[in-house]
C-alpha cells in the first residue's frame, strides 16, 4: 500500500514538474520510480469501484447505490461511537500510521540517496 501511494505521489509530482516546465521542483525524496504493476492493479480496483457506482442509462440505480453507501457510512459512524468498537478503530489507526511511516521511510531513503548521489 505504501509503495502504491508513493507511486501515485511520484506520478503527480512528475506531472506538476512537467506542467511547470521545471519551475516547481519536487520535494527531496520525491519523483521516485513508479511501480507500473502496482499502479495498474490500483487503477483496476478504482475502475471496478467506479463501474459499481455508475451505470450508464440508470440514474435511479446509481442514486440507490449512493443512498446505500450513505447508509453504510452512517452505520460506520454509529459503530465508531460505541465503546466496544474502539479496539477496531484503534487498530485501523495503527495500520494507517504504519503505512504513513513506511511512506516516509521510502521517501527519506530516496532523499538521502539523492543527497549523497549514491
PDB file of N, CA and C in Angstrom:
ATOM      1  N   UNK A   1       0.833  -1.185   0.000  1.00  0.00           N
ATOM      2  CA  UNK A   1       0.000   0.000   0.000  1.00  0.00           C
ATOM      3  C   UNK A   1       0.881   1.253   0.000  1.00  0.00           C
ATOM      4  N   UNK A   2       1.919   1.228   0.822  1.00  0.00           N
ATOM      5  CA  UNK A   2       2.815   2.386   0.889  1.00  0.00           C
ATOM      6  C   UNK A   2       3.498   2.607  -0.455  1.00  0.00           C
ATOM      7  N   UNK A   3       3.884   1.509  -1.106  1.00  0.00           N
ATOM      8  CA  UNK A   3       4.542   1.621  -2.409  1.00  0.00           C
ATOM      9  C   UNK A   3       3.591   2.204  -3.455  1.00  0.00           C
ATOM     10  N   UNK A   4       2.328   1.803  -3.400  1.00  0.00           N
ATOM     11  CA  UNK A   4       1.335   2.335  -4.342  1.00  0.00           C
ATOM     12  C   UNK A   4       1.086   3.816  -4.095  1.00  0.00           C
ATOM     13  N   UNK A   5       0.987   4.210  -2.830  1.00  0.00           N
ATOM     14  CA  UNK A   5       0.776   5.621  -2.503  1.00  0.00           C
ATOM     15  C   UNK A   5       1.976   6.456  -2.937  1.00  0.00           C
ATOM     16  N   UNK A   6       3.186   5.941  -2.692  1.00  0.00           N
ATOM     17  CA  UNK A   6       4.389   6.639  -3.129  1.00  0.00           C
ATOM     18  C   UNK A   6       4.405   6.774  -4.648  1.00  0.00           C
ATOM     19  N   UNK A   7       3.988   5.727  -5.345  1.00  0.00           N
ATOM     20  CA  UNK A   7       3.932   5.780  -6.808  1.00  0.00           C
ATOM     21  C   UNK A   7       2.951   6.821  -7.309  1.00  0.00           C
ATOM     22  N   UNK A   8       1.777   6.891  -6.660  1.00  0.00           N
ATOM     23  CA  UNK A   8       0.794   7.906  -7.063  1.00  0.00           C
ATOM     24  C   UNK A   8       1.328   9.308  -6.813  1.00  0.00           C
ATOM     25  N   UNK A   9       1.983   9.493  -5.668  1.00  0.00           N
ATOM     26  CA  UNK A   9       2.560  10.807  -5.366  1.00  0.00           C
ATOM     27  C   UNK A   9       3.658  11.157  -6.360  1.00  0.00           C
ATOM     28  N   UNK A  10       4.484  10.169  -6.706  1.00  0.00           N
ATOM     29  CA  UNK A  10       5.561  10.410  -7.666  1.00  0.00           C
ATOM     30  C   UNK A  10       5.010  10.749  -9.045  1.00  0.00           C
ATOM     31  N   UNK A  11       3.939  10.087  -9.441  1.00  0.00           N
ATOM     32  CA  UNK A  11       3.313  10.386 -10.734  1.00  0.00           C
ATOM     33  C   UNK A  11       2.772  11.809 -10.737  1.00  0.00           C
ATOM     34  N   UNK A  12       2.148  12.209  -9.625  1.00  0.00           N
ATOM     35  CA  UNK A  12       1.643  13.572  -9.517  1.00  0.00           C
ATOM     36  C   UNK A  12       2.758  14.602  -9.532  1.00  0.00           C
ATOM     37  N   UNK A  13       3.846  14.296  -8.838  1.00  0.00           N
ATOM     38  CA  UNK A  13       4.991  15.217  -8.824  1.00  0.00           C
ATOM     39  C   UNK A  13       5.596  15.348 -10.221  1.00  0.00           C
ATOM     40  N   UNK A  14       5.672  14.237 -10.935  1.00  0.00           N
ATOM     41  CA  UNK A  14       6.213  14.287 -12.300  1.00  0.00           C
ATOM     42  C   UNK A  14       5.324  15.136 -13.196  1.00  0.00           C
ATOM     43  N   UNK A  15       4.010  15.026 -13.012  1.00  0.00           N
ATOM     44  CA  UNK A  15       3.083  15.831 -13.814  1.00  0.00           C
ATOM     45  C   UNK A  15       3.233  17.317 -13.519  1.00  0.00           C
ATOM     46  N   UNK A  16       3.328  17.652 -12.230  1.00  0.00           N
ATOM     47  CA  UNK A  16       3.496  19.060 -11.841  1.00  0.00           C
ATOM     48  C   UNK A  16       4.818  19.600 -12.368  1.00  0.00           C
ATOM     49  N   UNK A  17       5.882  18.799 -12.263  1.00  0.00           N
ATOM     50  CA  UNK A  17       7.195  19.213 -12.757  1.00  0.00           C
ATOM     51  C   UNK A  17       7.142  19.471 -14.261  1.00  0.00           C
ATOM     52  N   UNK A  18       6.471  18.573 -14.982  1.00  0.00           N
ATOM     53  CA  UNK A  18       6.378  18.713 -16.441  1.00  0.00           C
ATOM     54  C   UNK A  18       5.509  19.906 -16.823  1.00  0.00           C
ATOM     55  N   UNK A  19       4.361  20.072 -16.152  1.00  0.00           N
ATOM     56  CA  UNK A  19       3.457  21.172 -16.486  1.00  0.00           C
ATOM     57  C   UNK A  19       4.077  22.529 -16.178  1.00  0.00           C
ATOM     58  N   UNK A  20       4.895  22.594 -15.123  1.00  0.00           N
ATOM     59  CA  UNK A  20       5.517  23.868 -14.764  1.00  0.00           C
ATOM     60  C   UNK A  20       6.828  24.082 -15.519  1.00  0.00           C
ATOM     61  N   UNK A  21       7.170  23.113 -16.368  1.00  0.00           N
ATOM     62  CA  UNK A  21       8.413  23.160 -17.155  1.00  0.00           C
ATOM     63  C   UNK A  21       9.645  23.325 -16.276  1.00  0.00           C
ATOM     64  N   UNK A  22       9.627  22.615 -15.149  1.00  0.00           N
ATOM     65  CA  UNK A  22      10.775  22.610 -14.259  1.00  0.00           C
ATOM     66  C   UNK A  22      10.801  23.733 -13.248  1.00  0.00           C
ATOM     67  N   UNK A  23       9.803  24.614 -13.288  1.00  0.00           N
ATOM     68  CA  UNK A  23       9.775  25.739 -12.360  1.00  0.00           C
ATOM     69  C   UNK A  23       9.510  25.266 -10.936  1.00  0.00           C
ATOM     70  N   UNK A  24       8.562  24.345 -10.782  1.00  0.00           N
ATOM     71  CA  UNK A  24       8.250  23.788  -9.466  1.00  0.00           C
ATOM     72  C   UNK A  24       9.010  22.482  -9.298  1.00  0.00           C
ATOM     73  N   UNK A  25       9.985  22.498  -8.422  1.00  0.00           N
ATOM     74  CA  UNK A  25      10.828  21.321  -8.193  1.00  0.00           C
ATOM     75  C   UNK A  25      10.158  20.385  -7.191  1.00  0.00           C
ATOM     76  N   UNK A  26      10.356  19.091  -7.339  1.00  0.00           N
ATOM     77  CA  UNK A  26       9.788  18.156  -6.355  1.00  0.00           C
ATOM     78  C   UNK A  26      10.522  18.262  -5.019  1.00  0.00           C
ATOM     79  N   UNK A  27       9.846  17.844  -3.966  1.00  0.00           N
ATOM     80  CA  UNK A  27      10.462  17.829  -2.643  1.00  0.00           C
ATOM     81  C   UNK A  27      11.560  16.772  -2.595  1.00  0.00           C
ATOM     82  N   UNK A  28      12.503  16.894  -1.673  1.00  0.00           N
ATOM     83  CA  UNK A  28      13.532  15.853  -1.556  1.00  0.00           C
ATOM     84  C   UNK A  28      12.893  14.486  -1.324  1.00  0.00           C
ATOM     85  N   UNK A  29      13.336  13.513  -2.070  1.00  0.00           N
ATOM     86  CA  UNK A  29      12.779  12.171  -1.974  1.00  0.00           C
ATOM     87  C   UNK A  29      11.596  11.948  -2.882  1.00  0.00           C
ATOM     88  N   UNK A  30      11.190  12.975  -3.563  1.00  0.00           N
ATOM     89  CA  UNK A  30      10.050  12.864  -4.463  1.00  0.00           C
ATOM     90  C   UNK A  30      10.463  12.419  -5.851  1.00  0.00           C
ATOM     91  N   UNK A  31       9.476  12.291  -6.694  1.00  0.00           N
ATOM     92  CA  UNK A  31       9.671  11.902  -8.095  1.00  0.00           C
ATOM     93  C   UNK A  31      10.493  10.624  -8.207  1.00  0.00           C
ATOM     94  N   UNK A  32      10.080   9.640  -7.432  1.00  0.00           N
ATOM     95  CA  UNK A  32      10.788   8.367  -7.438  1.00  0.00           C
ATOM     96  C   UNK A  32      10.277   7.445  -8.524  1.00  0.00           C
ATOM     97  N   UNK A  33      10.801   6.217  -8.547  1.00  0.00           N
ATOM     98  CA  UNK A  33      10.354   5.253  -9.540  1.00  0.00           C
ATOM     99  C   UNK A  33       8.895   4.862  -9.291  1.00  0.00           C
ATOM    100  N   UNK A  34       8.188   4.602 -10.357  1.00  0.00           N
ATOM    101  CA  UNK A  34       6.775   4.242 -10.263  1.00  0.00           C
ATOM    102  C   UNK A  34       6.638   2.778 -10.642  1.00  0.00           C
ATOM    103  N   UNK A  35       6.092   1.989  -9.739  1.00  0.00           N
ATOM    104  CA  UNK A  35       5.866   0.572  -9.983  1.00  0.00           C
ATOM    105  C   UNK A  35       4.613   0.448 -10.844  1.00  0.00           C
ATOM    106  N   UNK A  36       4.814   0.232 -12.135  1.00  0.00           N
ATOM    107  CA  UNK A  36       3.698   0.206 -13.080  1.00  0.00           C
ATOM    108  C   UNK A  36       2.710  -0.914 -12.763  1.00  0.00           C
ATOM    109  N   UNK A  37       3.202  -2.048 -12.265  1.00  0.00           N
ATOM    110  CA  UNK A  37       2.308  -3.160 -11.945  1.00  0.00           C
ATOM    111  C   UNK A  37       1.349  -2.767 -10.832  1.00  0.00           C
ATOM    112  N   UNK A  38       1.873  -2.140  -9.782  1.00  0.00           N
ATOM    113  CA  UNK A  38       1.021  -1.696  -8.672  1.00  0.00           C
ATOM    114  C   UNK A  38       0.022  -0.635  -9.133  1.00  0.00           C
ATOM    115  N   UNK A  39       0.494   0.275  -9.978  1.00  0.00           N
ATOM    116  CA  UNK A  39      -0.384   1.325 -10.468  1.00  0.00           C
ATOM    117  C   UNK A  39      -1.507   0.737 -11.329  1.00  0.00           C
ATOM    118  N   UNK A  40      -1.196  -0.280 -12.137  1.00  0.00           N
ATOM    119  CA  UNK A  40      -2.206  -0.934 -12.960  1.00  0.00           C
ATOM    120  C   UNK A  40      -3.226  -1.650 -12.082  1.00  0.00           C
ATOM    121  N   UNK A  41      -2.744  -2.332 -11.038  1.00  0.00           N
ATOM    122  CA  UNK A  41      -3.651  -3.014 -10.113  1.00  0.00           C
ATOM    123  C   UNK A  41      -4.553  -2.014  -9.407  1.00  0.00           C
ATOM    124  N   UNK A  42      -3.980  -0.900  -8.977  1.00  0.00           N
ATOM    125  CA  UNK A  42      -4.766   0.115  -8.282  1.00  0.00           C
ATOM    126  C   UNK A  42      -5.791   0.735  -9.229  1.00  0.00           C
ATOM    127  N   UNK A  43      -5.392   0.975 -10.470  1.00  0.00           N
ATOM    128  CA  UNK A  43      -6.314   1.538 -11.458  1.00  0.00           C
ATOM    129  C   UNK A  43      -7.470   0.575 -11.725  1.00  0.00           C
ATOM    130  N   UNK A  44      -7.177  -0.729 -11.785  1.00  0.00           N
ATOM    131  CA  UNK A  44      -8.229  -1.727 -11.985  1.00  0.00           C
ATOM    132  C   UNK A  44      -9.209  -1.716 -10.808  1.00  0.00           C
ATOM    133  N   UNK A  45      -8.689  -1.586  -9.593  1.00  0.00           N
ATOM    134  CA  UNK A  45      -9.552  -1.501  -8.413  1.00  0.00           C
ATOM    135  C   UNK A  45     -10.443  -0.271  -8.484  1.00  0.00           C
ATOM    136  N   UNK A  46      -9.863   0.876  -8.826  1.00  0.00           N
ATOM    137  CA  UNK A  46     -10.640   2.105  -8.905  1.00  0.00           C
ATOM    138  C   UNK A  46     -11.686   2.028 -10.022  1.00  0.00           C
ATOM    139  N   UNK A  47     -11.342   1.415 -11.153  1.00  0.00           N
ATOM    140  CA  UNK A  47     -12.302   1.239 -12.242  1.00  0.00           C
ATOM    141  C   UNK A  47     -13.462   0.358 -11.817  1.00  0.00           C
ATOM    142  N   UNK A  48     -13.162  -0.679 -11.047  1.00  0.00           N
ATOM    143  CA  UNK A  48     -14.212  -1.577 -10.553  1.00  0.00           C
ATOM    144  C   UNK A  48     -15.160  -0.835  -9.628  1.00  0.00           C
ATOM    145  N   UNK A  49     -14.605  -0.049  -8.716  1.00  0.00           N
ATOM    146  CA  UNK A  49     -15.437   0.726  -7.795  1.00  0.00           C
ATOM    147  C   UNK A  49     -16.283   1.730  -8.561  1.00  0.00           C
ATOM    148  N   UNK A  50     -15.667   2.394  -9.532  1.00  0.00           N
ATOM    149  CA  UNK A  50     -16.396   3.391 -10.303  1.00  0.00           C
ATOM    150  C   UNK A  50     -17.517   2.750 -11.111  1.00  0.00           C
ATOM    151  N   UNK A  51     -17.250   1.607 -11.733  1.00  0.00           N
ATOM    152  CA  UNK A  51     -18.294   0.952 -12.526  1.00  0.00           C
ATOM    153  C   UNK A  51     -19.421   0.433 -11.638  1.00  0.00           C
ATOM    154  N   UNK A  52     -19.110   0.100 -10.386  1.00  0.00           N
ATOM    155  CA  UNK A  52     -20.155  -0.338  -9.462  1.00  0.00           C
ATOM    156  C   UNK A  52     -21.051   0.821  -9.046  1.00  0.00           C
ATOM    157  N   UNK A  53     -20.498   2.021  -9.028  1.00  0.00           N
ATOM    158  CA  UNK A  53     -21.276   3.184  -8.605  1.00  0.00           C
ATOM    159  C   UNK A  53     -22.034   3.846  -9.742  1.00  0.00           C
ATOM    160  N   UNK A  54     -21.486   3.787 -10.937  1.00  0.00           N
ATOM    161  CA  UNK A  54     -22.086   4.487 -12.067  1.00  0.00           C
ATOM    162  C   UNK A  54     -22.444   3.476 -13.142  1.00  0.00           C
ATOM    163  N   UNK A  55     -23.697   3.482 -13.502  1.00  0.00           N
ATOM    164  CA  UNK A  55     -24.145   2.626 -14.588  1.00  0.00           C
ATOM    165  C   UNK A  55     -24.870   3.518 -15.585  1.00  0.00           C
ATOM    166  N   UNK A  56     -24.395   3.527 -16.800  1.00  0.00           N
ATOM    167  CA  UNK A  56     -24.979   4.410 -17.799  1.00  0.00           C
ATOM    168  C   UNK A  56     -26.438   4.041 -18.053  1.00  0.00           C
ATOM    169  N   UNK A  57     -27.269   5.049 -18.180  1.00  0.00           N
ATOM    170  CA  UNK A  57     -28.665   4.827 -18.514  1.00  0.00           C
ATOM    171  C   UNK A  57     -29.560   4.520 -17.328  1.00  0.00           C
ATOM    172  N   UNK A  58     -29.008   4.488 -16.142  1.00  0.00           N
ATOM    173  CA  UNK A  58     -29.828   4.145 -14.983  1.00  0.00           C
ATOM    174  C   UNK A  58     -29.487   5.064 -13.814  1.00  0.00           C
ATOM    175  N   UNK A  59     -30.056   6.245 -13.829  1.00  0.00           N
ATOM    176  CA  UNK A  59     -29.799   7.194 -12.747  1.00  0.00           C
ATOM    177  C   UNK A  59     -30.433   6.739 -11.448  1.00  0.00           C
ATOM    178  N   UNK A  60     -31.582   6.060 -11.528  1.00  0.00           N
ATOM    179  CA  UNK A  60     -32.239   5.583 -10.308  1.00  0.00           C
ATOM    180  C   UNK A  60     -31.371   4.556  -9.598  1.00  0.00           C
ATOM    181  N   UNK A  61     -30.769   3.651 -10.361  1.00  0.00           N
ATOM    182  CA  UNK A  61     -29.898   2.641  -9.768  1.00  0.00           C
ATOM    183  C   UNK A  61     -28.677   3.297  -9.135  1.00  0.00           C
ATOM    184  N   UNK A  62     -28.112   4.287  -9.811  1.00  0.00           N
ATOM    185  CA  UNK A  62     -26.960   4.999  -9.257  1.00  0.00           C
ATOM    186  C   UNK A  62     -27.339   5.720  -7.969  1.00  0.00           C
ATOM    187  N   UNK A  63     -28.503   6.335  -7.943  1.00  0.00           N
ATOM    188  CA  UNK A  63     -28.953   7.018  -6.733  1.00  0.00           C
ATOM    189  C   UNK A  63     -29.167   6.020  -5.601  1.00  0.00           C
ATOM    190  N   UNK A  64     -29.717   4.852  -5.927  1.00  0.00           N
ATOM    191  CA  UNK A  64     -29.923   3.824  -4.909  1.00  0.00           C
ATOM    192  C   UNK A  64     -28.588   3.368  -4.333  1.00  0.00           C
ATOM    193  N   UNK A  65     -27.579   3.226  -5.176  1.00  0.00           N
ATOM    194  CA  UNK A  65     -26.249   2.825  -4.704  1.00  0.00           C
ATOM    195  C   UNK A  65     -25.643   3.898  -3.814  1.00  0.00           C
ATOM    196  N   UNK A  66     -25.809   5.162  -4.206  1.00  0.00           N
ATOM    197  CA  UNK A  66     -25.283   6.249  -3.383  1.00  0.00           C
ATOM    198  C   UNK A  66     -25.992   6.300  -2.022  1.00  0.00           C
ATOM    199  N   UNK A  67     -27.298   6.050  -2.018  1.00  0.00           N
ATOM    200  CA  UNK A  67     -28.028   6.023  -0.751  1.00  0.00           C
ATOM    201  C   UNK A  67     -27.557   4.860   0.121  1.00  0.00           C
ATOM    202  N   UNK A  68     -27.277   3.737  -0.503  1.00  0.00           N
ATOM    203  CA  UNK A  68     -26.766   2.588   0.240  1.00  0.00           C
ATOM    204  C   UNK A  68     -25.411   2.908   0.846  1.00  0.00           C
ATOM    205  N   UNK A  69     -24.553   3.588   0.077  1.00  0.00           N
ATOM    206  CA  UNK A  69     -23.240   3.979   0.595  1.00  0.00           C
ATOM    207  C   UNK A  69     -23.396   4.960   1.757  1.00  0.00           C
ATOM    208  N   UNK A  70     -24.352   5.884   1.641  1.00  0.00           N
ATOM    209  CA  UNK A  70     -24.593   6.836   2.720  1.00  0.00           C
ATOM    210  C   UNK A  70     -25.047   6.106   3.982  1.00  0.00           C
ATOM    211  N   UNK A  71     -25.952   5.144   3.807  1.00  0.00           N
ATOM    212  CA  UNK A  71     -26.422   4.356   4.954  1.00  0.00           C
ATOM    213  C   UNK A  71     -25.279   3.579   5.594  1.00  0.00           C
ATOM    214  N   UNK A  72     -24.411   3.010   4.760  1.00  0.00           N
ATOM    215  CA  UNK A  72     -23.259   2.270   5.263  1.00  0.00           C
ATOM    216  C   UNK A  72     -22.330   3.197   6.052  1.00  0.00           C
ATOM    217  N   UNK A  73     -22.105   4.387   5.533  1.00  0.00           N
ATOM    218  CA  UNK A  73     -21.260   5.356   6.224  1.00  0.00           C
ATOM    219  C   UNK A  73     -21.875   5.769   7.559  1.00  0.00           C
ATOM    220  N   UNK A  74     -23.183   5.940   7.587  1.00  0.00           N
ATOM    221  CA  UNK A  74     -23.853   6.268   8.842  1.00  0.00           C
ATOM    222  C   UNK A  74     -23.678   5.147   9.864  1.00  0.00           C
ATOM    223  N   UNK A  75     -23.749   3.895   9.404  1.00  0.00           N
ATOM    224  CA  UNK A  75     -23.543   2.753  10.294  1.00  0.00           C
ATOM    225  C   UNK A  75     -22.115   2.737  10.848  1.00  0.00           C
ATOM    226  N   UNK A  76     -21.146   3.047   9.993  1.00  0.00           N
ATOM    227  CA  UNK A  76     -19.754   3.089  10.446  1.00  0.00           C
ATOM    228  C   UNK A  76     -19.572   4.180  11.485  1.00  0.00           C
ATOM    229  N   UNK A  77     -20.185   5.330  11.258  1.00  0.00           N
ATOM    230  CA  UNK A  77     -20.084   6.430  12.224  1.00  0.00           C
ATOM    231  C   UNK A  77     -20.737   6.035  13.544  1.00  0.00           C
ATOM    232  N   UNK A  78     -21.897   5.398  13.471  1.00  0.00           N
ATOM    233  CA  UNK A  78     -22.583   4.944  14.679  1.00  0.00           C
ATOM    234  C   UNK A  78     -21.737   3.916  15.421  1.00  0.00           C
ATOM    235  N   UNK A  79     -21.165   2.987  14.666  1.00  0.00           N
ATOM    236  CA  UNK A  79     -20.313   1.959  15.259  1.00  0.00           C
ATOM    237  C   UNK A  79     -19.085   2.575  15.919  1.00  0.00           C
ATOM    238  N   UNK A  80     -18.520   3.593  15.282  1.00  0.00           N
ATOM    239  CA  UNK A  80     -17.317   4.213  15.834  1.00  0.00           C
ATOM    240  C   UNK A  80     -17.594   4.927  17.152  1.00  0.00           C
ATOM    241  N   UNK A  81     -18.845   5.280  17.396  1.00  0.00           N
ATOM    242  CA  UNK A  81     -19.188   5.975  18.629  1.00  0.00           C
ATOM    243  C   UNK A  81     -19.452   5.014  19.789  1.00  0.00           C
ATOM    244  N   UNK A  82     -19.566   3.728  19.494  1.00  0.00           N
ATOM    245  CA  UNK A  82     -19.793   2.736  20.545  1.00  0.00           C
ATOM    246  C   UNK A  82     -18.465   2.348  21.179  1.00  0.00           C
ATOM    247  N   UNK A  83     -18.487   2.135  22.478  1.00  0.00           N
ATOM    248  CA  UNK A  83     -17.263   1.835  23.230  1.00  0.00           C
ATOM    249  C   UNK A  83     -16.669   0.482  22.857  1.00  0.00           C
ATOM    250  N   UNK A  84     -17.515  -0.497  22.527  1.00  0.00           N
ATOM    251  CA  UNK A  84     -16.998  -1.831  22.238  1.00  0.00           C
ATOM    252  C   UNK A  84     -16.288  -1.921  20.889  1.00  0.00           C
ATOM    253  N   UNK A  85     -16.456  -0.911  20.044  1.00  0.00           N
ATOM    254  CA  UNK A  85     -15.782  -0.925  18.743  1.00  0.00           C
ATOM    255  C   UNK A  85     -14.468  -0.146  18.771  1.00  0.00           C
ATOM    256  N   UNK A  86     -14.124   0.421  19.897  1.00  0.00           N
ATOM    257  CA  UNK A  86     -12.902   1.223  19.998  1.00  0.00           C
ATOM    258  C   UNK A  86     -11.642   0.452  19.603  1.00  0.00           C
ATOM    259  N   UNK A  87     -11.477  -0.814  20.005  1.00  0.00           N
ATOM    260  CA  UNK A  87     -10.263  -1.535  19.600  1.00  0.00           C
ATOM    261  C   UNK A  87     -10.120  -1.694  18.088  1.00  0.00           C
ATOM    262  N   UNK A  88     -11.242  -1.842  17.394  1.00  0.00           N
ATOM    263  CA  UNK A  88     -11.195  -1.979  15.930  1.00  0.00           C
ATOM    264  C   UNK A  88     -10.659  -0.702  15.307  1.00  0.00           C
ATOM    265  N   UNK A  89     -11.198   0.427  15.738  1.00  0.00           N
ATOM    266  CA  UNK A  89     -10.769   1.701  15.160  1.00  0.00           C
ATOM    267  C   UNK A  89      -9.350   2.074  15.597  1.00  0.00           C
ATOM    268  N   UNK A  90      -8.949   1.646  16.781  1.00  0.00           N
ATOM    269  CA  UNK A  90      -7.562   1.854  17.198  1.00  0.00           C
ATOM    270  C   UNK A  90      -6.615   1.058  16.305  1.00  0.00           C
ATOM    271  N   UNK A  91      -7.021  -0.144  15.931  1.00  0.00           N
ATOM    272  CA  UNK A  91      -6.194  -0.966  15.048  1.00  0.00           C
ATOM    273  C   UNK A  91      -6.112  -0.357  13.652  1.00  0.00           C
ATOM    274  N   UNK A  92      -7.225   0.155  13.155  1.00  0.00           N
ATOM    275  CA  UNK A  92      -7.225   0.828  11.848  1.00  0.00           C
ATOM    276  C   UNK A  92      -6.301   2.037  11.892  1.00  0.00           C
ATOM    277  N   UNK A  93      -6.366   2.803  12.966  1.00  0.00           N
ATOM    278  CA  UNK A  93      -5.494   3.968  13.119  1.00  0.00           C
ATOM    279  C   UNK A  93      -4.030   3.539  13.161  1.00  0.00           C
ATOM    280  N   UNK A  94      -3.746   2.464  13.842  1.00  0.00           N
ATOM    281  CA  UNK A  94      -2.380   1.954  13.931  1.00  0.00           C
ATOM    282  C   UNK A  94      -1.859   1.543  12.557  1.00  0.00           C
ATOM    283  N   UNK A  95      -2.685   0.865  11.778  1.00  0.00           N
ATOM    284  CA  UNK A  95      -2.275   0.451  10.430  1.00  0.00           C
ATOM    285  C   UNK A  95      -2.013   1.678   9.558  1.00  0.00           C
ATOM    286  N   UNK A  96      -2.870   2.676   9.643  1.00  0.00           N
ATOM    287  CA  UNK A  96      -2.667   3.910   8.863  1.00  0.00           C
ATOM    288  C   UNK A  96      -1.348   4.589   9.248  1.00  0.00           C
ATOM    289  N   UNK A  97      -1.040   4.599  10.526  1.00  0.00           N
ATOM    290  CA  UNK A  97       0.215   5.197  10.978  1.00  0.00           C
ATOM    291  C   UNK A  97       1.412   4.411  10.457  1.00  0.00           C
ATOM    292  N   UNK A  98       1.314   3.084  10.463  1.00  0.00           N
ATOM    293  CA  UNK A  98       2.416   2.258   9.947  1.00  0.00           C
ATOM    294  C   UNK A  98       2.633   2.495   8.462  1.00  0.00           C
ATOM    295  N   UNK A  99       1.547   2.634   7.711  1.00  0.00           N
ATOM    296  CA  UNK A  99       1.669   2.909   6.277  1.00  0.00           C
ATOM    297  C   UNK A  99       2.321   4.278   6.067  1.00  0.00           C
ATOM    298  N   UNK A 100       1.905   5.266   6.847  1.00  0.00           N
ATOM    299  CA  UNK A 100       2.497   6.602   6.723  1.00  0.00           C
ATOM    300  C   UNK A 100       3.989   6.570   7.035  1.00  0.00           C
ATOM    301  N   UNK A 101       4.376   5.827   8.065  1.00  0.00           N
ATOM    302  CA  UNK A 101       5.794   5.707   8.409  1.00  0.00           C
ATOM    303  C   UNK A 101       6.566   5.036   7.283  1.00  0.00           C
ATOM    304  N   UNK A 102       5.974   4.006   6.686  1.00  0.00           N
ATOM    305  CA  UNK A 102       6.656   3.316   5.588  1.00  0.00           C
ATOM    306  C   UNK A 102       6.845   4.233   4.380  1.00  0.00           C
ATOM    307  N   UNK A 103       5.844   5.061   4.104  1.00  0.00           N
ATOM    308  CA  UNK A 103       5.971   6.033   3.003  1.00  0.00           C
ATOM    309  C   UNK A 103       7.104   7.004   3.304  1.00  0.00           C
ATOM    310  N   UNK A 104       7.155   7.495   4.549  1.00  0.00           N
ATOM    311  CA  UNK A 104       8.236   8.413   4.929  1.00  0.00           C
ATOM    312  C   UNK A 104       9.599   7.740   4.832  1.00  0.00           C
ATOM    313  N   UNK A 105       9.679   6.451   5.174  1.00  0.00           N
ATOM    314  CA  UNK A 105      10.942   5.722   5.051  1.00  0.00           C
ATOM    315  C   UNK A 105      11.367   5.627   3.589  1.00  0.00           C
ATOM    316  N   UNK A 106      10.438   5.293   2.705  1.00  0.00           N
ATOM    317  CA  UNK A 106      10.737   5.184   1.278  1.00  0.00           C
ATOM    318  C   UNK A 106      11.266   6.513   0.758  1.00  0.00           C
ATOM    319  N   UNK A 107      10.558   7.582   1.070  1.00  0.00           N
ATOM    320  CA  UNK A 107      10.943   8.894   0.558  1.00  0.00           C
ATOM    321  C   UNK A 107      12.205   9.426   1.238  1.00  0.00           C
ATOM    322  N   UNK A 108      12.369   9.112   2.532  1.00  0.00           N
ATOM    323  CA  UNK A 108      13.575   9.543   3.244  1.00  0.00           C
ATOM    324  C   UNK A 108      14.822   8.880   2.699  1.00  0.00           C
ATOM    325  N   UNK A 109      14.750   7.575   2.449  1.00  0.00           N
ATOM    326  CA  UNK A 109      15.896   6.867   1.867  1.00  0.00           C
ATOM    327  C   UNK A 109      16.237   7.425   0.492  1.00  0.00           C
ATOM    328  N   UNK A 110      15.205   7.709  -0.290  1.00  0.00           N
ATOM    329  CA  UNK A 110      15.435   8.262  -1.630  1.00  0.00           C
ATOM    330  C   UNK A 110      16.074   9.646  -1.543  1.00  0.00           C
ATOM    331  N   UNK A 111      15.631  10.461  -0.583  1.00  0.00           N
ATOM    332  CA  UNK A 111      16.202  11.800  -0.413  1.00  0.00           C
ATOM    333  C   UNK A 111      17.663  11.708  -0.005  1.00  0.00           C
ATOM    334  N   UNK A 112      17.994  10.795   0.897  1.00  0.00           N
ATOM    335  CA  UNK A 112      19.387  10.620   1.311  1.00  0.00           C
ATOM    336  C   UNK A 112      20.267  10.136   0.152  1.00  0.00           C
ATOM    337  N   UNK A 113      19.738   9.194  -0.629  1.00  0.00           N
ATOM    338  CA  UNK A 113      20.490   8.728  -1.804  1.00  0.00           C
ATOM    339  C   UNK A 113      20.743   9.866  -2.784  1.00  0.00           C
ATOM    340  N   UNK A 114      19.731  10.716  -2.969  1.00  0.00           N
ATOM    341  CA  UNK A 114      19.890  11.852  -3.882  1.00  0.00           C
ATOM    342  C   UNK A 114      20.939  12.828  -3.362  1.00  0.00           C
ATOM    343  N   UNK A 115      20.936  13.057  -2.037  1.00  0.00           N
ATOM    344  CA  UNK A 115      21.905  13.980  -1.451  1.00  0.00           C
ATOM    345  C   UNK A 115      23.325  13.441  -1.544  1.00  0.00           C
ATOM    346  N   UNK A 116      23.463  12.139  -1.333  1.00  0.00           N
ATOM    347  CA  UNK A 116      24.784  11.510  -1.370  1.00  0.00           C
ATOM    348  C   UNK A 116      25.188  11.061  -2.772  1.00  0.00           C
ATOM    349  N   UNK A 117      24.223  11.164  -3.694  1.00  0.00           N
ATOM    350  CA  UNK A 117      24.443  10.758  -5.103  1.00  0.00           C
ATOM    351  C   UNK A 117      24.909   9.318  -5.208  1.00  0.00           C
ATOM    352  N   UNK A 118      24.257   8.439  -4.421  1.00  0.00           N
ATOM    353  CA  UNK A 118      24.608   7.003  -4.449  1.00  0.00           C
ATOM    354  C   UNK A 118      23.733   6.290  -5.419  1.00  0.00           C
TER     355      UNK A 118
END
